[in-house]
Amino acid sequence: MNMQEMSRLIQGLRKLGLEDRQLADFLLWVESGAVEYEPQPLNEQKRDS
């Protein structure tokens, strides 16, 4: 994926309503596959207090 495609991906995820922390975790999951960053449905996510 080139930088232009990555930029569009990030902008699209923001338009869908992902907050910066959720977006960063998603991108970490895509790159690493680490279970700790695996996305959860938006209606099931825990809010950081």
C-alpha atoms as a PDB file:
ATOM      1  CA  MET A   1       0.000   0.000   0.000  1.00  0.00           C
ATOM      2  CA  ASN A   2       1.436   3.346  -0.956  1.00  0.00           C
ATOM      3  CA  MET A   3       1.169   6.554   1.086  1.00  0.00           C
ATOM      4  CA  GLN A   4      -1.724   7.938  -0.971  1.00  0.00           C
ATOM      5  CA  GLU A   5      -3.768   4.779  -0.378  1.00  0.00           C
ATOM      6  CA  MET A   6      -2.898   4.808   3.328  1.00  0.00           C
ATOM      7  CA  SER A   7      -4.003   8.430   3.578  1.00  0.00           C
ATOM      8  CA  ARG A   8      -7.352   7.614   1.949  1.00  0.00           C
ATOM      9  CA  LEU A   9      -7.806   4.639   4.273  1.00  0.00           C
ATOM     10  CA  ILE A  10      -7.249   6.820   7.349  1.00  0.00           C
ATOM     11  CA  GLN A  11      -9.574   9.543   6.062  1.00  0.00           C
ATOM     12  CA  GLY A  12     -12.258   6.962   5.296  1.00  0.00           C
ATOM     13  CA  LEU A  13     -12.026   5.412   8.746  1.00  0.00           C
ATOM     14  CA  ARG A  14     -12.337   8.853  10.330  1.00  0.00           C
ATOM     15  CA  LYS A  15     -15.446   9.544   8.220  1.00  0.00           C
ATOM     16  CA  LEU A  16     -16.919   6.294   9.529  1.00  0.00           C
ATOM     17  CA  GLY A  17     -16.549   7.695  13.022  1.00  0.00           C
ATOM     18  CA  LEU A  18     -13.419   6.021  14.358  1.00  0.00           C
ATOM     19  CA  GLU A  19     -11.647   8.058  16.993  1.00  0.00           C
ATOM     20  CA  ASP A  20      -7.879   8.438  16.764  1.00  0.00           C
ATOM     21  CA  ARG A  21      -7.199   5.716  19.352  1.00  0.00           C
ATOM     22  CA  GLN A  22      -9.508   3.247  17.585  1.00  0.00           C
ATOM     23  CA  LEU A  23      -7.942   4.112  14.248  1.00  0.00           C
ATOM     24  CA  ALA A  24      -4.398   3.615  15.557  1.00  0.00           C
ATOM     25  CA  ASP A  25      -5.338   0.278  17.143  1.00  0.00           C
ATOM     26  CA  PHE A  26      -6.923  -0.866  13.881  1.00  0.00           C
ATOM     27  CA  LEU A  27      -3.825   0.022  11.862  1.00  0.00           C
ATOM     28  CA  LEU A  28      -1.622  -1.751  14.420  1.00  0.00           C
ATOM     29  CA  TRP A  29      -3.823  -4.831  14.111  1.00  0.00           C
ATOM     30  CA  VAL A  30      -3.612  -4.764  10.296  1.00  0.00           C
ATOM     31  CA  GLU A  31       0.190  -4.589  10.424  1.00  0.00           C
ATOM     32  CA  SER A  32       0.914  -6.901  13.358  1.00  0.00           C
ATOM     33  CA  GLY A  33      -2.109  -9.166  13.671  1.00  0.00           C
ATOM     34  CA  ALA A  34      -1.783  -8.810  17.460  1.00  0.00           C
ATOM     35  CA  VAL A  35      -4.956  -9.926  19.252  1.00  0.00           C
ATOM     36  CA  GLU A  36      -4.763  -6.972  21.648  1.00  0.00           C
ATOM     37  CA  TYR A  37      -5.494  -4.586  18.750  1.00  0.00           C
ATOM     38  CA  GLU A  38      -8.149  -6.716  17.048  1.00  0.00           C
ATOM     39  CA  PRO A  39     -11.165  -4.557  16.186  1.00  0.00           C
ATOM     40  CA  GLN A  40     -14.452  -5.015  17.998  1.00  0.00           C
ATOM     41  CA  PRO A  41     -17.882  -3.957  16.750  1.00  0.00           C
ATOM     42  CA  LEU A  42     -18.406  -0.275  17.560  1.00  0.00           C
ATOM     43  CA  ASN A  43     -21.461  -0.981  19.737  1.00  0.00           C
ATOM     44  CA  GLU A  44     -19.421  -3.414  21.898  1.00  0.00           C
ATOM     45  CA  GLN A  45     -16.305  -1.317  22.467  1.00  0.00           C
ATOM     46  CA  LYS A  46     -15.429  -0.230  25.961  1.00  0.00           C
ATOM     47  CA  ARG A  47     -14.867   3.458  26.518  1.00  0.00           C
ATOM     48  CA  ASP A  48     -11.560   4.488  28.113  1.00  0.00           C
ATOM     49  CA  SER A  49     -12.224   6.227  31.415  1.00  0.00           C
END
